[in-house]
Amino acid sequence: METKKAASAIVRQPGEGARRWFFGGGMHTWKATEEDTAGAFLLFEDEMSLNKVTPMHTHPDSDETMYVLAGEILMNMDGTEHRVAAGGVTIAPRGVPHAFKALQDKTRVLCLHTPGTAQAFYDGASEPLEPGNEPGTVNFDRIRESGRVNGGIEIVGPPPFPEAQG
């Protein structure tokens, strides 16, 4: 019988946590990993530039909660658009199609996946961002491939925003 690992106590200050360049655009700072929380959740901050978009997608095995820390996003949740400013929250239960677009430069969201099963997808769809390194290039093929190999996401369509590409 396998013994389940206990969650770790975590205290992270602003700016602390592994920093990763996400190939969908954005710099992630991982605040609590699946390993830290014994699988309960994954928590990361995502800083995005103006007009960053996601394709329409679902998370089949986790619920995704996004709390907007700064800036504003346009969230397409199951076909309905919502503008969400700093202090607002979105919750996409597993299986619900959604996509978003950053409406301001340096938009920051706190993203919570429960449980933390989507971490393998994010790990495969990003690379470490060391101090002094520039962010990489947006590459939706890497996003699709990580979803295919690691699960955690299903791309169900292109970005639903008329001027968006991907």
N, C-alpha and C. Protein backbone atom coordinates (compact mmCIF):
# COMPACT_ATOMS: atom_id res chain seq x y z
N MET A 1 0.85 -1.18 0.00
CA MET A 1 0.00 0.00 0.00
C MET A 1 0.89 1.24 0.00
N GLU A 2 0.56 2.18 -0.87
CA GLU A 2 1.36 3.41 -1.00
C GLU A 2 0.93 4.42 0.06
N THR A 3 1.92 5.03 0.71
CA THR A 3 1.63 6.06 1.71
C THR A 3 1.50 7.40 1.02
N LYS A 4 0.43 8.12 1.32
CA LYS A 4 0.21 9.43 0.70
C LYS A 4 1.08 10.47 1.41
N LYS A 5 1.77 11.28 0.60
CA LYS A 5 2.62 12.34 1.14
C LYS A 5 1.75 13.44 1.73
N ALA A 6 2.17 13.97 2.85
CA ALA A 6 1.45 15.07 3.49
C ALA A 6 1.79 16.40 2.81
N ALA A 7 0.86 17.32 2.88
CA ALA A 7 1.09 18.66 2.34
C ALA A 7 2.17 19.36 3.15
N SER A 8 2.89 20.27 2.51
CA SER A 8 3.94 21.05 3.17
C SER A 8 3.36 22.37 3.67
N ALA A 9 3.90 22.87 4.77
CA ALA A 9 3.59 24.24 5.18
C ALA A 9 4.35 25.17 4.25
N ILE A 10 3.68 26.21 3.77
CA ILE A 10 4.29 27.09 2.78
C ILE A 10 4.13 28.54 3.20
N VAL A 11 5.22 29.30 3.11
CA VAL A 11 5.16 30.75 3.23
C VAL A 11 6.01 31.28 2.08
N ARG A 12 5.39 32.01 1.17
CA ARG A 12 6.12 32.59 0.05
C ARG A 12 5.86 34.09 0.05
N GLN A 13 6.91 34.85 -0.05
CA GLN A 13 6.82 36.31 -0.11
C GLN A 13 6.54 36.75 -1.54
N PRO A 14 6.16 38.02 -1.74
CA PRO A 14 5.95 38.51 -3.10
C PRO A 14 7.18 38.24 -3.97
N GLY A 15 6.95 37.73 -5.16
CA GLY A 15 8.04 37.44 -6.08
C GLY A 15 8.70 36.09 -5.87
N GLU A 16 8.41 35.41 -4.76
CA GLU A 16 9.01 34.11 -4.51
C GLU A 16 8.20 33.01 -5.19
N GLY A 17 8.89 31.95 -5.55
CA GLY A 17 8.29 30.81 -6.23
C GLY A 17 8.97 30.63 -7.57
N ALA A 18 8.91 29.42 -8.10
CA ALA A 18 9.53 29.12 -9.39
C ALA A 18 8.89 29.98 -10.47
N ARG A 19 9.73 30.62 -11.27
CA ARG A 19 9.22 31.46 -12.37
C ARG A 19 9.37 30.70 -13.67
N ARG A 20 8.29 30.70 -14.48
CA ARG A 20 8.29 29.95 -15.73
C ARG A 20 7.66 30.79 -16.84
N TRP A 21 8.23 30.70 -18.05
CA TRP A 21 7.64 31.32 -19.23
C TRP A 21 6.65 30.31 -19.81
N PHE A 22 5.38 30.69 -19.88
CA PHE A 22 4.32 29.83 -20.41
C PHE A 22 4.22 30.06 -21.91
N PHE A 23 4.24 28.99 -22.70
CA PHE A 23 4.26 29.12 -24.16
C PHE A 23 2.97 29.70 -24.72
N GLY A 24 1.92 29.81 -23.91
CA GLY A 24 0.70 30.49 -24.33
C GLY A 24 0.80 31.99 -24.12
N GLY A 25 1.94 32.45 -23.60
CA GLY A 25 2.13 33.86 -23.26
C GLY A 25 1.96 34.01 -21.76
N GLY A 26 2.80 34.79 -21.15
CA GLY A 26 2.68 35.04 -19.71
C GLY A 26 3.82 34.45 -18.92
N MET A 27 4.11 35.11 -17.82
CA MET A 27 5.13 34.65 -16.89
C MET A 27 4.44 34.13 -15.64
N HIS A 28 4.64 32.85 -15.36
CA HIS A 28 4.04 32.23 -14.19
C HIS A 28 5.02 32.27 -13.03
N THR A 29 4.50 32.53 -11.84
CA THR A 29 5.25 32.34 -10.61
C THR A 29 4.47 31.32 -9.80
N TRP A 30 5.04 30.13 -9.65
CA TRP A 30 4.35 29.04 -8.97
C TRP A 30 4.43 29.26 -7.47
N LYS A 31 3.28 29.43 -6.85
CA LYS A 31 3.19 29.71 -5.42
C LYS A 31 3.03 28.45 -4.58
N ALA A 32 2.28 27.47 -5.09
CA ALA A 32 2.10 26.19 -4.39
C ALA A 32 1.88 25.12 -5.45
N THR A 33 2.75 24.11 -5.45
CA THR A 33 2.69 23.07 -6.47
C THR A 33 1.86 21.89 -5.99
N GLU A 34 1.57 21.01 -6.93
CA GLU A 34 0.87 19.77 -6.62
C GLU A 34 1.64 18.99 -5.55
N GLU A 35 2.97 19.00 -5.63
CA GLU A 35 3.79 18.31 -4.62
C GLU A 35 3.67 18.98 -3.26
N ASP A 36 3.68 20.32 -3.24
CA ASP A 36 3.57 21.06 -1.98
C ASP A 36 2.26 20.75 -1.25
N THR A 37 1.19 20.55 -2.04
CA THR A 37 -0.16 20.44 -1.47
C THR A 37 -0.68 19.01 -1.43
N ALA A 38 0.21 18.03 -1.65
CA ALA A 38 -0.17 16.62 -1.69
C ALA A 38 -1.31 16.40 -2.69
N GLY A 39 -1.25 17.13 -3.80
CA GLY A 39 -2.22 16.95 -4.87
C GLY A 39 -3.50 17.76 -4.75
N ALA A 40 -3.67 18.46 -3.63
CA ALA A 40 -4.94 19.18 -3.40
C ALA A 40 -5.15 20.31 -4.41
N PHE A 41 -4.09 21.05 -4.76
CA PHE A 41 -4.24 22.16 -5.69
C PHE A 41 -2.90 22.60 -6.26
N LEU A 42 -2.98 23.42 -7.31
CA LEU A 42 -1.86 24.12 -7.91
C LEU A 42 -2.23 25.59 -7.91
N LEU A 43 -1.34 26.45 -7.42
CA LEU A 43 -1.60 27.89 -7.35
C LEU A 43 -0.43 28.63 -7.98
N PHE A 44 -0.73 29.48 -8.98
CA PHE A 44 0.33 30.29 -9.59
C PHE A 44 -0.21 31.65 -9.97
N GLU A 45 0.72 32.62 -10.02
CA GLU A 45 0.41 33.96 -10.51
C GLU A 45 0.83 34.02 -11.96
N ASP A 46 0.00 34.63 -12.80
CA ASP A 46 0.27 34.76 -14.22
C ASP A 46 0.26 36.23 -14.58
N GLU A 47 1.42 36.74 -15.04
CA GLU A 47 1.51 38.13 -15.51
C GLU A 47 1.54 38.11 -17.03
N MET A 48 0.60 38.85 -17.63
CA MET A 48 0.40 38.79 -19.07
C MET A 48 0.53 40.16 -19.71
N SER A 49 0.92 40.16 -20.97
CA SER A 49 0.97 41.42 -21.71
C SER A 49 -0.38 41.65 -22.40
N LEU A 50 -0.57 42.86 -22.85
CA LEU A 50 -1.78 43.27 -23.54
C LEU A 50 -2.08 42.32 -24.70
N ASN A 51 -3.34 41.89 -24.81
CA ASN A 51 -3.85 41.04 -25.89
C ASN A 51 -3.42 39.59 -25.84
N LYS A 52 -2.80 39.12 -24.76
CA LYS A 52 -2.54 37.69 -24.62
C LYS A 52 -3.89 36.99 -24.65
N VAL A 53 -4.00 35.91 -25.41
CA VAL A 53 -5.25 35.15 -25.50
C VAL A 53 -4.99 33.67 -25.28
N THR A 54 -6.04 32.96 -24.92
CA THR A 54 -5.99 31.51 -24.86
C THR A 54 -6.97 30.96 -25.89
N PRO A 55 -6.72 29.76 -26.38
CA PRO A 55 -7.74 29.12 -27.21
C PRO A 55 -8.90 28.70 -26.32
N MET A 56 -10.04 28.40 -26.93
CA MET A 56 -11.15 27.85 -26.16
C MET A 56 -10.71 26.47 -25.69
N HIS A 57 -10.86 26.23 -24.40
CA HIS A 57 -10.37 24.97 -23.84
C HIS A 57 -11.18 24.57 -22.62
N THR A 58 -10.96 23.34 -22.18
CA THR A 58 -11.53 22.85 -20.93
C THR A 58 -10.41 22.21 -20.12
N HIS A 59 -10.67 22.06 -18.85
CA HIS A 59 -9.80 21.27 -17.98
C HIS A 59 -10.66 20.10 -17.50
N PRO A 60 -10.41 18.89 -18.04
CA PRO A 60 -11.29 17.77 -17.75
C PRO A 60 -11.22 17.24 -16.32
N ASP A 61 -10.10 17.48 -15.64
CA ASP A 61 -9.92 16.87 -14.31
C ASP A 61 -9.72 17.87 -13.19
N SER A 62 -9.87 19.18 -13.48
CA SER A 62 -9.70 20.17 -12.41
C SER A 62 -10.61 21.36 -12.66
N ASP A 63 -10.97 22.02 -11.58
CA ASP A 63 -11.70 23.27 -11.64
C ASP A 63 -10.66 24.38 -11.65
N GLU A 64 -10.91 25.44 -12.46
CA GLU A 64 -9.96 26.54 -12.56
C GLU A 64 -10.61 27.82 -12.03
N THR A 65 -10.01 28.38 -11.01
CA THR A 65 -10.45 29.65 -10.44
C THR A 65 -9.39 30.68 -10.74
N MET A 66 -9.82 31.83 -11.28
CA MET A 66 -8.89 32.92 -11.56
C MET A 66 -9.37 34.17 -10.83
N TYR A 67 -8.48 34.72 -10.01
CA TYR A 67 -8.74 35.96 -9.29
C TYR A 67 -7.87 37.04 -9.94
N VAL A 68 -8.49 38.09 -10.44
CA VAL A 68 -7.75 39.14 -11.14
C VAL A 68 -7.11 40.06 -10.09
N LEU A 69 -5.78 40.09 -10.07
CA LEU A 69 -5.03 40.92 -9.13
C LEU A 69 -4.84 42.34 -9.64
N ALA A 70 -4.59 42.48 -10.95
CA ALA A 70 -4.34 43.79 -11.57
C ALA A 70 -4.73 43.70 -13.03
N GLY A 71 -5.19 44.81 -13.59
CA GLY A 71 -5.57 44.83 -14.99
C GLY A 71 -6.99 44.35 -15.19
N GLU A 72 -7.23 43.78 -16.37
CA GLU A 72 -8.58 43.34 -16.73
C GLU A 72 -8.49 42.25 -17.79
N ILE A 73 -9.39 41.27 -17.71
CA ILE A 73 -9.48 40.23 -18.72
C ILE A 73 -10.88 40.23 -19.33
N LEU A 74 -10.95 39.71 -20.54
CA LEU A 74 -12.23 39.41 -21.17
C LEU A 74 -12.34 37.90 -21.14
N MET A 75 -13.29 37.38 -20.37
CA MET A 75 -13.47 35.93 -20.19
C MET A 75 -14.65 35.48 -21.03
N ASN A 76 -14.42 34.50 -21.89
CA ASN A 76 -15.49 33.84 -22.61
C ASN A 76 -15.73 32.54 -21.87
N MET A 77 -16.86 32.48 -21.16
CA MET A 77 -17.20 31.30 -20.37
C MET A 77 -18.39 30.63 -21.03
N ASP A 78 -18.12 29.49 -21.66
CA ASP A 78 -19.18 28.70 -22.29
C ASP A 78 -20.00 29.53 -23.28
N GLY A 79 -19.30 30.42 -24.04
CA GLY A 79 -19.95 31.19 -25.09
C GLY A 79 -20.42 32.57 -24.70
N THR A 80 -20.33 32.94 -23.42
CA THR A 80 -20.75 34.26 -22.96
C THR A 80 -19.53 35.05 -22.51
N GLU A 81 -19.42 36.30 -23.01
CA GLU A 81 -18.26 37.13 -22.64
C GLU A 81 -18.55 37.97 -21.40
N HIS A 82 -17.51 38.09 -20.56
CA HIS A 82 -17.58 38.88 -19.33
C HIS A 82 -16.28 39.66 -19.18
N ARG A 83 -16.36 40.96 -18.94
CA ARG A 83 -15.18 41.75 -18.58
C ARG A 83 -14.99 41.61 -17.08
N VAL A 84 -13.75 41.27 -16.68
CA VAL A 84 -13.47 41.03 -15.27
C VAL A 84 -12.26 41.88 -14.89
N ALA A 85 -12.47 42.85 -13.99
CA ALA A 85 -11.42 43.77 -13.57
C ALA A 85 -10.78 43.28 -12.27
N ALA A 86 -9.73 43.99 -11.85
CA ALA A 86 -9.03 43.66 -10.60
C ALA A 86 -10.04 43.53 -9.46
N GLY A 87 -9.90 42.46 -8.70
CA GLY A 87 -10.81 42.16 -7.61
C GLY A 87 -11.91 41.20 -8.01
N GLY A 88 -12.04 40.93 -9.32
CA GLY A 88 -13.06 40.00 -9.80
C GLY A 88 -12.52 38.58 -9.86
N VAL A 89 -13.43 37.64 -9.96
CA VAL A 89 -13.06 36.23 -9.97
C VAL A 89 -13.87 35.49 -11.04
N THR A 90 -13.26 34.47 -11.63
CA THR A 90 -13.96 33.56 -12.53
C THR A 90 -13.73 32.14 -12.04
N ILE A 91 -14.72 31.31 -12.20
CA ILE A 91 -14.59 29.90 -11.84
C ILE A 91 -15.10 29.08 -13.00
N ALA A 92 -14.22 28.29 -13.61
CA ALA A 92 -14.57 27.39 -14.70
C ALA A 92 -14.52 25.96 -14.15
N PRO A 93 -15.67 25.40 -13.81
CA PRO A 93 -15.67 24.01 -13.35
C PRO A 93 -15.13 23.08 -14.43
N ARG A 94 -14.60 21.94 -14.01
CA ARG A 94 -14.04 20.99 -14.98
C ARG A 94 -15.05 20.71 -16.10
N GLY A 95 -14.52 20.72 -17.32
CA GLY A 95 -15.34 20.43 -18.48
C GLY A 95 -16.05 21.62 -19.10
N VAL A 96 -16.04 22.79 -18.46
CA VAL A 96 -16.72 23.96 -19.02
C VAL A 96 -15.77 24.69 -19.97
N PRO A 97 -16.16 24.87 -21.24
CA PRO A 97 -15.30 25.57 -22.20
C PRO A 97 -15.12 27.04 -21.83
N HIS A 98 -13.87 27.50 -21.91
CA HIS A 98 -13.58 28.89 -21.59
C HIS A 98 -12.30 29.34 -22.28
N ALA A 99 -12.15 30.65 -22.39
CA ALA A 99 -10.96 31.28 -22.96
C ALA A 99 -10.93 32.70 -22.43
N PHE A 100 -9.73 33.31 -22.42
CA PHE A 100 -9.68 34.69 -21.98
C PHE A 100 -8.64 35.47 -22.75
N LYS A 101 -8.77 36.79 -22.65
CA LYS A 101 -7.86 37.73 -23.30
C LYS A 101 -7.50 38.81 -22.30
N ALA A 102 -6.21 39.15 -22.22
CA ALA A 102 -5.76 40.25 -21.35
C ALA A 102 -6.08 41.57 -22.04
N LEU A 103 -6.81 42.44 -21.36
CA LEU A 103 -7.21 43.72 -21.93
C LEU A 103 -6.28 44.87 -21.56
N GLN A 104 -5.33 44.61 -20.65
CA GLN A 104 -4.37 45.63 -20.25
C GLN A 104 -2.98 44.98 -20.14
N ASP A 105 -1.94 45.77 -20.40
CA ASP A 105 -0.58 45.28 -20.21
C ASP A 105 -0.34 45.03 -18.73
N LYS A 106 0.43 44.01 -18.44
CA LYS A 106 0.79 43.62 -17.07
C LYS A 106 -0.43 43.20 -16.24
N THR A 107 -1.45 42.67 -16.94
CA THR A 107 -2.57 42.07 -16.22
C THR A 107 -2.02 40.89 -15.42
N ARG A 108 -2.45 40.78 -14.17
CA ARG A 108 -1.99 39.69 -13.30
C ARG A 108 -3.19 38.97 -12.71
N VAL A 109 -3.17 37.64 -12.83
CA VAL A 109 -4.21 36.82 -12.22
C VAL A 109 -3.58 35.76 -11.34
N LEU A 110 -4.29 35.41 -10.30
CA LEU A 110 -3.91 34.29 -9.44
C LEU A 110 -4.77 33.12 -9.91
N CYS A 111 -4.13 32.04 -10.33
CA CYS A 111 -4.83 30.90 -10.92
C CYS A 111 -4.73 29.71 -9.98
N LEU A 112 -5.88 29.14 -9.66
CA LEU A 112 -5.97 28.00 -8.74
C LEU A 112 -6.62 26.84 -9.46
N HIS A 113 -5.91 25.72 -9.54
CA HIS A 113 -6.48 24.49 -10.09
C HIS A 113 -6.71 23.52 -8.94
N THR A 114 -7.95 23.03 -8.82
CA THR A 114 -8.28 22.05 -7.79
C THR A 114 -8.92 20.83 -8.44
N PRO A 115 -8.37 19.65 -8.22
CA PRO A 115 -7.08 19.38 -7.57
C PRO A 115 -5.92 19.83 -8.46
N GLY A 116 -4.70 19.53 -8.04
CA GLY A 116 -3.50 20.02 -8.72
C GLY A 116 -3.08 19.20 -9.93
N THR A 117 -3.98 18.41 -10.49
CA THR A 117 -3.63 17.47 -11.56
C THR A 117 -3.22 18.13 -12.86
N ALA A 118 -3.48 19.42 -13.07
CA ALA A 118 -3.10 20.10 -14.31
C ALA A 118 -1.63 20.52 -14.32
N GLN A 119 -0.91 20.31 -13.22
CA GLN A 119 0.47 20.78 -13.14
C GLN A 119 1.35 20.18 -14.23
N ALA A 120 1.18 18.91 -14.55
CA ALA A 120 2.02 18.29 -15.58
C ALA A 120 1.83 19.01 -16.92
N PHE A 121 0.60 19.43 -17.21
CA PHE A 121 0.36 20.20 -18.44
C PHE A 121 1.15 21.50 -18.40
N TYR A 122 1.01 22.28 -17.32
CA TYR A 122 1.68 23.58 -17.24
C TYR A 122 3.20 23.42 -17.27
N ASP A 123 3.71 22.38 -16.63
CA ASP A 123 5.15 22.13 -16.64
C ASP A 123 5.63 21.86 -18.06
N GLY A 124 4.89 21.03 -18.80
CA GLY A 124 5.27 20.70 -20.16
C GLY A 124 5.05 21.85 -21.15
N ALA A 125 4.21 22.81 -20.78
CA ALA A 125 3.89 23.93 -21.66
C ALA A 125 4.62 25.21 -21.25
N SER A 126 5.71 25.04 -20.49
CA SER A 126 6.47 26.21 -20.03
C SER A 126 7.93 25.82 -19.86
N GLU A 127 8.75 26.84 -19.59
CA GLU A 127 10.16 26.58 -19.31
C GLU A 127 10.61 27.53 -18.21
N PRO A 128 11.62 27.12 -17.43
CA PRO A 128 12.09 28.00 -16.36
C PRO A 128 12.52 29.36 -16.90
N LEU A 129 12.20 30.40 -16.17
CA LEU A 129 12.58 31.77 -16.53
C LEU A 129 13.54 32.26 -15.45
N GLU A 130 14.79 32.25 -15.78
CA GLU A 130 15.83 32.64 -14.84
C GLU A 130 15.99 34.16 -14.83
N PRO A 131 16.48 34.75 -13.74
CA PRO A 131 16.70 36.20 -13.71
C PRO A 131 17.60 36.63 -14.87
N GLY A 132 17.21 37.70 -15.54
CA GLY A 132 17.97 38.21 -16.67
C GLY A 132 17.58 37.63 -18.01
N ASN A 133 16.85 36.50 -18.01
CA ASN A 133 16.39 35.91 -19.27
C ASN A 133 15.15 36.63 -19.77
N GLU A 134 15.04 36.75 -21.07
CA GLU A 134 13.85 37.34 -21.68
C GLU A 134 12.79 36.25 -21.84
N PRO A 135 11.51 36.64 -21.76
CA PRO A 135 10.46 35.66 -22.03
C PRO A 135 10.60 35.10 -23.44
N GLY A 136 10.08 33.89 -23.63
CA GLY A 136 10.17 33.23 -24.92
C GLY A 136 9.10 33.71 -25.89
N THR A 137 8.85 32.89 -26.89
CA THR A 137 7.89 33.19 -27.94
C THR A 137 6.63 32.37 -27.72
N VAL A 138 5.47 32.97 -27.97
CA VAL A 138 4.21 32.23 -27.87
C VAL A 138 4.24 31.10 -28.88
N ASN A 139 3.85 29.89 -28.44
CA ASN A 139 3.90 28.72 -29.29
C ASN A 139 2.73 27.80 -28.94
N PHE A 140 1.60 27.99 -29.64
CA PHE A 140 0.41 27.19 -29.33
C PHE A 140 0.62 25.72 -29.66
N ASP A 141 1.54 25.38 -30.57
CA ASP A 141 1.82 23.97 -30.85
C ASP A 141 2.38 23.28 -29.60
N ARG A 142 3.24 23.99 -28.86
CA ARG A 142 3.78 23.42 -27.61
C ARG A 142 2.67 23.22 -26.58
N ILE A 143 1.69 24.14 -26.57
CA ILE A 143 0.55 24.02 -25.65
C ILE A 143 -0.25 22.76 -26.00
N ARG A 144 -0.58 22.61 -27.28
CA ARG A 144 -1.37 21.44 -27.72
C ARG A 144 -0.62 20.14 -27.42
N GLU A 145 0.69 20.13 -27.68
CA GLU A 145 1.47 18.91 -27.45
C GLU A 145 1.53 18.56 -25.97
N SER A 146 1.71 19.55 -25.11
CA SER A 146 1.73 19.25 -23.68
C SER A 146 0.38 18.71 -23.22
N GLY A 147 -0.70 19.26 -23.73
CA GLY A 147 -2.03 18.73 -23.39
C GLY A 147 -2.20 17.30 -23.85
N ARG A 148 -1.70 16.99 -25.06
CA ARG A 148 -1.81 15.64 -25.59
C ARG A 148 -1.00 14.65 -24.74
N VAL A 149 0.21 15.04 -24.37
CA VAL A 149 1.11 14.14 -23.65
C VAL A 149 0.78 14.07 -22.16
N ASN A 150 0.46 15.22 -21.55
CA ASN A 150 0.31 15.30 -20.09
C ASN A 150 -1.12 15.38 -19.59
N GLY A 151 -2.08 15.56 -20.48
CA GLY A 151 -3.47 15.76 -20.03
C GLY A 151 -3.59 17.13 -19.38
N GLY A 152 -4.64 17.32 -18.62
CA GLY A 152 -4.83 18.57 -17.89
C GLY A 152 -5.58 19.63 -18.65
N ILE A 153 -5.63 19.52 -19.98
CA ILE A 153 -6.33 20.51 -20.81
C ILE A 153 -6.78 19.84 -22.10
N GLU A 154 -7.91 20.30 -22.61
CA GLU A 154 -8.37 19.90 -23.93
C GLU A 154 -8.67 21.16 -24.71
N ILE A 155 -7.98 21.37 -25.83
CA ILE A 155 -8.24 22.51 -26.70
C ILE A 155 -9.48 22.15 -27.53
N VAL A 156 -10.52 22.97 -27.42
CA VAL A 156 -11.77 22.67 -28.12
C VAL A 156 -12.05 23.65 -29.25
N GLY A 157 -11.20 24.66 -29.44
CA GLY A 157 -11.40 25.61 -30.52
C GLY A 157 -10.38 26.72 -30.46
N PRO A 158 -10.36 27.56 -31.49
CA PRO A 158 -9.44 28.71 -31.50
C PRO A 158 -9.89 29.77 -30.50
N PRO A 159 -9.06 30.78 -30.26
CA PRO A 159 -9.51 31.88 -29.41
C PRO A 159 -10.81 32.45 -29.98
N PRO A 160 -11.82 32.68 -29.14
CA PRO A 160 -13.11 33.15 -29.64
C PRO A 160 -13.20 34.65 -29.86
N PHE A 161 -12.09 35.33 -29.78
CA PHE A 161 -12.07 36.78 -29.91
C PHE A 161 -11.72 37.11 -31.36
N PRO A 162 -12.51 37.93 -32.06
CA PRO A 162 -12.39 38.12 -33.51
C PRO A 162 -10.97 38.44 -34.00
N GLU A 163 -10.23 39.27 -33.29
CA GLU A 163 -8.91 39.68 -33.76
C GLU A 163 -7.79 38.75 -33.28
N ALA A 164 -8.14 37.75 -32.48
CA ALA A 164 -7.14 36.85 -31.89
C ALA A 164 -6.74 35.77 -32.90
N GLN A 165 -5.50 35.29 -32.73
CA GLN A 165 -5.03 34.19 -33.55
C GLN A 165 -4.45 33.13 -32.64
N GLY A 166 -4.29 31.92 -33.13
CA GLY A 166 -3.71 30.85 -32.36
C GLY A 166 -4.07 29.58 -32.97
